[in-house]
PDB file of N, CA and C in Angstrom:
ATOM      1  N   MET A   1     -37.952  -6.672  -7.643  1.00  0.00           N
ATOM      2  CA  MET A   1     -37.651  -5.927  -6.431  1.00  0.00           C
ATOM      3  C   MET A   1     -36.379  -6.454  -5.747  1.00  0.00           C
ATOM      4  N   ALA A   2     -36.250  -7.770  -5.717  1.00  0.00           N
ATOM      5  CA  ALA A   2     -35.059  -8.369  -5.100  1.00  0.00           C
ATOM      6  C   ALA A   2     -33.805  -7.937  -5.841  1.00  0.00           C
ATOM      7  N   GLU A   3     -33.941  -7.768  -7.153  1.00  0.00           N
ATOM      8  CA  GLU A   3     -32.794  -7.345  -7.950  1.00  0.00           C
ATOM      9  C   GLU A   3     -32.371  -5.928  -7.575  1.00  0.00           C
ATOM     10  N   GLU A   4     -33.339  -5.045  -7.282  1.00  0.00           N
ATOM     11  CA  GLU A   4     -33.019  -3.679  -6.864  1.00  0.00           C
ATOM     12  C   GLU A   4     -32.264  -3.673  -5.553  1.00  0.00           C
ATOM     13  N   VAL A   5     -32.706  -4.499  -4.610  1.00  0.00           N
ATOM     14  CA  VAL A   5     -32.032  -4.582  -3.322  1.00  0.00           C
ATOM     15  C   VAL A   5     -30.615  -5.101  -3.515  1.00  0.00           C
ATOM     16  N   ASN A   6     -30.469  -6.123  -4.338  1.00  0.00           N
ATOM     17  CA  ASN A   6     -29.156  -6.683  -4.603  1.00  0.00           C
ATOM     18  C   ASN A   6     -28.236  -5.640  -5.231  1.00  0.00           C
ATOM     19  N   LEU A   7     -28.760  -4.877  -6.179  1.00  0.00           N
ATOM     20  CA  LEU A   7     -27.952  -3.832  -6.809  1.00  0.00           C
ATOM     21  C   LEU A   7     -27.599  -2.744  -5.811  1.00  0.00           C
ATOM     22  N   SER A   8     -28.542  -2.412  -4.954  1.00  0.00           N
ATOM     23  CA  SER A   8     -28.280  -1.395  -3.925  1.00  0.00           C
ATOM     24  C   SER A   8     -27.196  -1.878  -2.967  1.00  0.00           C
ATOM     25  N   ASP A   9     -27.271  -3.142  -2.581  1.00  0.00           N
ATOM     26  CA  ASP A   9     -26.249  -3.708  -1.692  1.00  0.00           C
ATOM     27  C   ASP A   9     -24.882  -3.711  -2.374  1.00  0.00           C
ATOM     28  N   ARG A  10     -24.864  -4.092  -3.639  1.00  0.00           N
ATOM     29  CA  ARG A  10     -23.602  -4.115  -4.378  1.00  0.00           C
ATOM     30  C   ARG A  10     -23.025  -2.713  -4.503  1.00  0.00           C
ATOM     31  N   LEU A  11     -23.886  -1.745  -4.810  1.00  0.00           N
ATOM     32  CA  LEU A  11     -23.426  -0.366  -4.938  1.00  0.00           C
ATOM     33  C   LEU A  11     -22.887   0.141  -3.608  1.00  0.00           C
ATOM     34  N   SER A  12     -23.592  -0.180  -2.545  1.00  0.00           N
ATOM     35  CA  SER A  12     -23.136   0.232  -1.218  1.00  0.00           C
ATOM     36  C   SER A  12     -21.770  -0.374  -0.906  1.00  0.00           C
ATOM     37  N   GLY A  13     -21.607  -1.647  -1.233  1.00  0.00           N
ATOM     38  CA  GLY A  13     -20.322  -2.307  -0.998  1.00  0.00           C
ATOM     39  C   GLY A  13     -19.209  -1.688  -1.821  1.00  0.00           C
ATOM     40  N   ILE A  14     -19.495  -1.388  -3.070  1.00  0.00           N
ATOM     41  CA  ILE A  14     -18.496  -0.773  -3.949  1.00  0.00           C
ATOM     42  C   ILE A  14     -18.111   0.606  -3.434  1.00  0.00           C
ATOM     43  N   LEU A  15     -19.108   1.376  -3.002  1.00  0.00           N
ATOM     44  CA  LEU A  15     -18.821   2.711  -2.466  1.00  0.00           C
ATOM     45  C   LEU A  15     -17.958   2.617  -1.217  1.00  0.00           C
ATOM     46  N   GLU A  16     -18.218   1.627  -0.385  1.00  0.00           N
ATOM     47  CA  GLU A  16     -17.409   1.432   0.828  1.00  0.00           C
ATOM     48  C   GLU A  16     -15.975   1.079   0.461  1.00  0.00           C
ATOM     49  N   GLU A  17     -15.795   0.235  -0.546  1.00  0.00           N
ATOM     50  CA  GLU A  17     -14.453  -0.112  -1.009  1.00  0.00           C
ATOM     51  C   GLU A  17     -13.726   1.114  -1.545  1.00  0.00           C
ATOM     52  N   ILE A  18     -14.434   1.949  -2.292  1.00  0.00           N
ATOM     53  CA  ILE A  18     -13.835   3.172  -2.835  1.00  0.00           C
ATOM     54  C   ILE A  18     -13.405   4.090  -1.696  1.00  0.00           C
ATOM     55  N   LYS A  19     -14.248   4.221  -0.686  1.00  0.00           N
ATOM     56  CA  LYS A  19     -13.887   5.054   0.469  1.00  0.00           C
ATOM     57  C   LYS A  19     -12.638   4.524   1.147  1.00  0.00           C
ATOM     58  N   ASP A  20     -12.554   3.196   1.288  1.00  0.00           N
ATOM     59  CA  ASP A  20     -11.371   2.593   1.914  1.00  0.00           C
ATOM     60  C   ASP A  20     -10.116   2.876   1.101  1.00  0.00           C
ATOM     61  N   VAL A  21     -10.213   2.718  -0.215  1.00  0.00           N
ATOM     62  CA  VAL A  21      -9.055   2.974  -1.083  1.00  0.00           C
ATOM     63  C   VAL A  21      -8.642   4.440  -0.999  1.00  0.00           C
ATOM     64  N   MET A  22      -9.618   5.331  -1.000  1.00  0.00           N
ATOM     65  CA  MET A  22      -9.302   6.761  -0.916  1.00  0.00           C
ATOM     66  C   MET A  22      -8.631   7.094   0.416  1.00  0.00           C
ATOM     67  N   GLU A  23      -9.079   6.483   1.499  1.00  0.00           N
ATOM     68  CA  GLU A  23      -8.468   6.726   2.809  1.00  0.00           C
ATOM     69  C   GLU A  23      -7.039   6.182   2.842  1.00  0.00           C
ATOM     70  N   GLN A  24      -6.834   4.998   2.275  1.00  0.00           N
ATOM     71  CA  GLN A  24      -5.487   4.437   2.219  1.00  0.00           C
ATOM     72  C   GLN A  24      -4.558   5.344   1.416  1.00  0.00           C
ATOM     73  N   ARG A  25      -5.055   5.854   0.309  1.00  0.00           N
ATOM     74  CA  ARG A  25      -4.240   6.765  -0.520  1.00  0.00           C
ATOM     75  C   ARG A  25      -3.955   8.064   0.216  1.00  0.00           C
ATOM     76  N   ARG A  26      -4.943   8.585   0.949  1.00  0.00           N
ATOM     77  CA  ARG A  26      -4.737   9.805   1.712  1.00  0.00           C
ATOM     78  C   ARG A  26      -3.643   9.596   2.754  1.00  0.00           C
ATOM     79  N   GLN A  27      -3.700   8.444   3.430  1.00  0.00           N
ATOM     80  CA  GLN A  27      -2.678   8.133   4.429  1.00  0.00           C
ATOM     81  C   GLN A  27      -1.302   7.993   3.789  1.00  0.00           C
ATOM     82  N   ARG A  28      -1.241   7.346   2.643  1.00  0.00           N
ATOM     83  CA  ARG A  28       0.044   7.158   1.954  1.00  0.00           C
ATOM     84  C   ARG A  28       0.611   8.496   1.494  1.00  0.00           C
ATOM     85  N   ILE A  29      -0.261   9.372   1.012  1.00  0.00           N
ATOM     86  CA  ILE A  29       0.178  10.710   0.597  1.00  0.00           C
ATOM     87  C   ILE A  29       0.772  11.453   1.787  1.00  0.00           C
ATOM     88  N   GLU A  30       0.130  11.352   2.937  1.00  0.00           N
ATOM     89  CA  GLU A  30       0.645  12.021   4.131  1.00  0.00           C
ATOM     90  C   GLU A  30       2.000  11.438   4.527  1.00  0.00           C
ATOM     91  N   GLU A  31       2.137  10.111   4.454  1.00  0.00           N
ATOM     92  CA  GLU A  31       3.429   9.484   4.753  1.00  0.00           C
ATOM     93  C   GLU A  31       4.510   9.991   3.799  1.00  0.00           C
ATOM     94  N   LEU A  32       4.181  10.085   2.515  1.00  0.00           N
ATOM     95  CA  LEU A  32       5.153  10.553   1.527  1.00  0.00           C
ATOM     96  C   LEU A  32       5.523  12.011   1.765  1.00  0.00           C
ATOM     97  N   ARG A  33       4.540  12.829   2.152  1.00  0.00           N
ATOM     98  CA  ARG A  33       4.836  14.241   2.451  1.00  0.00           C
ATOM     99  C   ARG A  33       5.801  14.341   3.623  1.00  0.00           C
ATOM    100  N   GLN A  34       5.586  13.522   4.639  1.00  0.00           N
ATOM    101  CA  GLN A  34       6.486  13.540   5.796  1.00  0.00           C
ATOM    102  C   GLN A  34       7.884  13.066   5.406  1.00  0.00           C
ATOM    103  N   GLU A  35       7.928  12.047   4.547  1.00  0.00           N
ATOM    104  CA  GLU A  35       9.222  11.550   4.085  1.00  0.00           C
ATOM    105  C   GLU A  35       9.947  12.612   3.268  1.00  0.00           C
ATOM    106  N   ILE A  36       9.231  13.310   2.413  1.00  0.00           N
ATOM    107  CA  ILE A  36       9.828  14.385   1.610  1.00  0.00           C
ATOM    108  C   ILE A  36      10.370  15.484   2.519  1.00  0.00           C
ATOM    109  N   SER A  37       9.604  15.854   3.528  1.00  0.00           N
ATOM    110  CA  SER A  37      10.057  16.891   4.466  1.00  0.00           C
ATOM    111  C   SER A  37      11.335  16.461   5.169  1.00  0.00           C
ATOM    112  N   SER A  38      11.379  15.204   5.566  1.00  0.00           N
ATOM    113  CA  SER A  38      12.567  14.684   6.235  1.00  0.00           C
ATOM    114  C   SER A  38      13.772  14.706   5.300  1.00  0.00           C
ATOM    115  N   ILE A  39      13.583  14.296   4.063  1.00  0.00           N
ATOM    116  CA  ILE A  39      14.672  14.304   3.075  1.00  0.00           C
ATOM    117  C   ILE A  39      15.146  15.730   2.819  1.00  0.00           C
ATOM    118  N   GLU A  40      14.206  16.659   2.726  1.00  0.00           N
ATOM    119  CA  GLU A  40      14.586  18.061   2.509  1.00  0.00           C
ATOM    120  C   GLU A  40      15.401  18.594   3.686  1.00  0.00           C
ATOM    121  N   ARG A  41      15.016  18.241   4.909  1.00  0.00           N
ATOM    122  CA  ARG A  41      15.793  18.670   6.085  1.00  0.00           C
ATOM    123  C   ARG A  41      17.188  18.065   6.042  1.00  0.00           C
ATOM    124  N   ASP A  42      17.257  16.772   5.691  1.00  0.00           N
ATOM    125  CA  ASP A  42      18.564  16.114   5.589  1.00  0.00           C
ATOM    126  C   ASP A  42      19.426  16.793   4.524  1.00  0.00           C
ATOM    127  N   ASN A  43      18.825  17.163   3.403  1.00  0.00           N
ATOM    128  CA  ASN A  43      19.561  17.845   2.344  1.00  0.00           C
ATOM    129  C   ASN A  43      20.079  19.198   2.826  1.00  0.00           C
ATOM    130  N   ASP A  44      19.240  19.920   3.559  1.00  0.00           N
ATOM    131  CA  ASP A  44      19.669  21.211   4.096  1.00  0.00           C
ATOM    132  C   ASP A  44      20.864  21.031   5.024  1.00  0.00           C
ATOM    133  N   ASP A  45      20.783  20.003   5.879  1.00  0.00           N
ATOM    134  CA  ASP A  45      21.902  19.730   6.790  1.00  0.00           C
ATOM    135  C   ASP A  45      23.156  19.359   6.015  1.00  0.00           C
ATOM    136  N   LEU A  46      22.998  18.552   4.980  1.00  0.00           N
ATOM    137  CA  LEU A  46      24.144  18.140   4.170  1.00  0.00           C
ATOM    138  C   LEU A  46      24.759  19.331   3.439  1.00  0.00           C
ATOM    139  N   GLU A  47      23.924  20.199   2.896  1.00  0.00           N
ATOM    140  CA  GLU A  47      24.437  21.399   2.222  1.00  0.00           C
ATOM    141  C   GLU A  47      25.207  22.275   3.197  1.00  0.00           C
ATOM    142  N   LYS A  48      24.696  22.404   4.412  1.00  0.00           N
ATOM    143  CA  LYS A  48      25.383  23.215   5.436  1.00  0.00           C
ATOM    144  C   LYS A  48      26.737  22.594   5.773  1.00  0.00           C
ATOM    145  N   THR A  49      26.766  21.280   5.920  1.00  0.00           N
ATOM    146  CA  THR A  49      28.016  20.590   6.233  1.00  0.00           C
ATOM    147  C   THR A  49      29.028  20.751   5.104  1.00  0.00           C
ATOM    148  N   ILE A  50      28.570  20.577   3.882  1.00  0.00           N
ATOM    149  CA  ILE A  50      29.463  20.725   2.726  1.00  0.00           C
ATOM    150  C   ILE A  50      30.005  22.146   2.654  1.00  0.00           C
ATOM    151  N   SER A  51      29.130  23.110   2.877  1.00  0.00           N
ATOM    152  CA  SER A  51      29.563  24.506   2.852  1.00  0.00           C
ATOM    153  C   SER A  51      30.604  24.772   3.927  1.00  0.00           C
ATOM    154  N   GLU A  52      30.381  24.244   5.107  1.00  0.00           N
ATOM    155  CA  GLU A  52      31.351  24.430   6.195  1.00  0.00           C
ATOM    156  C   GLU A  52      32.686  23.783   5.864  1.00  0.00           C
ATOM    157  N   LEU A  53      32.620  22.585   5.247  1.00  0.00           N
ATOM    158  CA  LEU A  53      33.859  21.912   4.868  1.00  0.00           C
ATOM    159  C   LEU A  53      34.614  22.707   3.807  1.00  0.00           C
ATOM    160  N   LEU A  54      33.871  23.214   2.818  1.00  0.00           N
ATOM    161  CA  LEU A  54      34.531  23.977   1.754  1.00  0.00           C
ATOM    162  C   LEU A  54      35.107  25.282   2.295  1.00  0.00           C
ATOM    163  N   ASN A  55      34.442  25.896   3.221  1.00  0.00           N
ATOM    164  CA  ASN A  55      34.968  27.134   3.814  1.00  0.00           C
ATOM    165  C   ASN A  55      36.221  26.872   4.631  1.00  0.00           C
ATOM    166  N   GLY A  56      36.403  25.626   5.072  1.00  0.00           N
ATOM    167  CA  GLY A  56      37.600  25.277   5.858  1.00  0.00           C
ATOM    168  C   GLY A  56      38.838  25.126   5.005  1.00  0.00           C
ATOM    169  N   PHE A  57      38.677  25.019   3.705  1.00  0.00           N
ATOM    170  CA  PHE A  57      39.846  24.846   2.821  1.00  0.00           C
ATOM    171  C   PHE A  57      40.420  26.157   2.418  1.00  0.00           C
TER     172      PHE A  57
END
């Protein structure tokens, strides 16, 4: 019986660790999405600037 409790505790701990890892990954994915959006906006601005410069020639 003690072994069952120990296994249950271990399983519970492992599941908690998995939840933590999944939450960390979810947060990192959101950070990367925001970074990608920022880079895309910067690229759009750069393309507009380049186009304006080329039109000036």
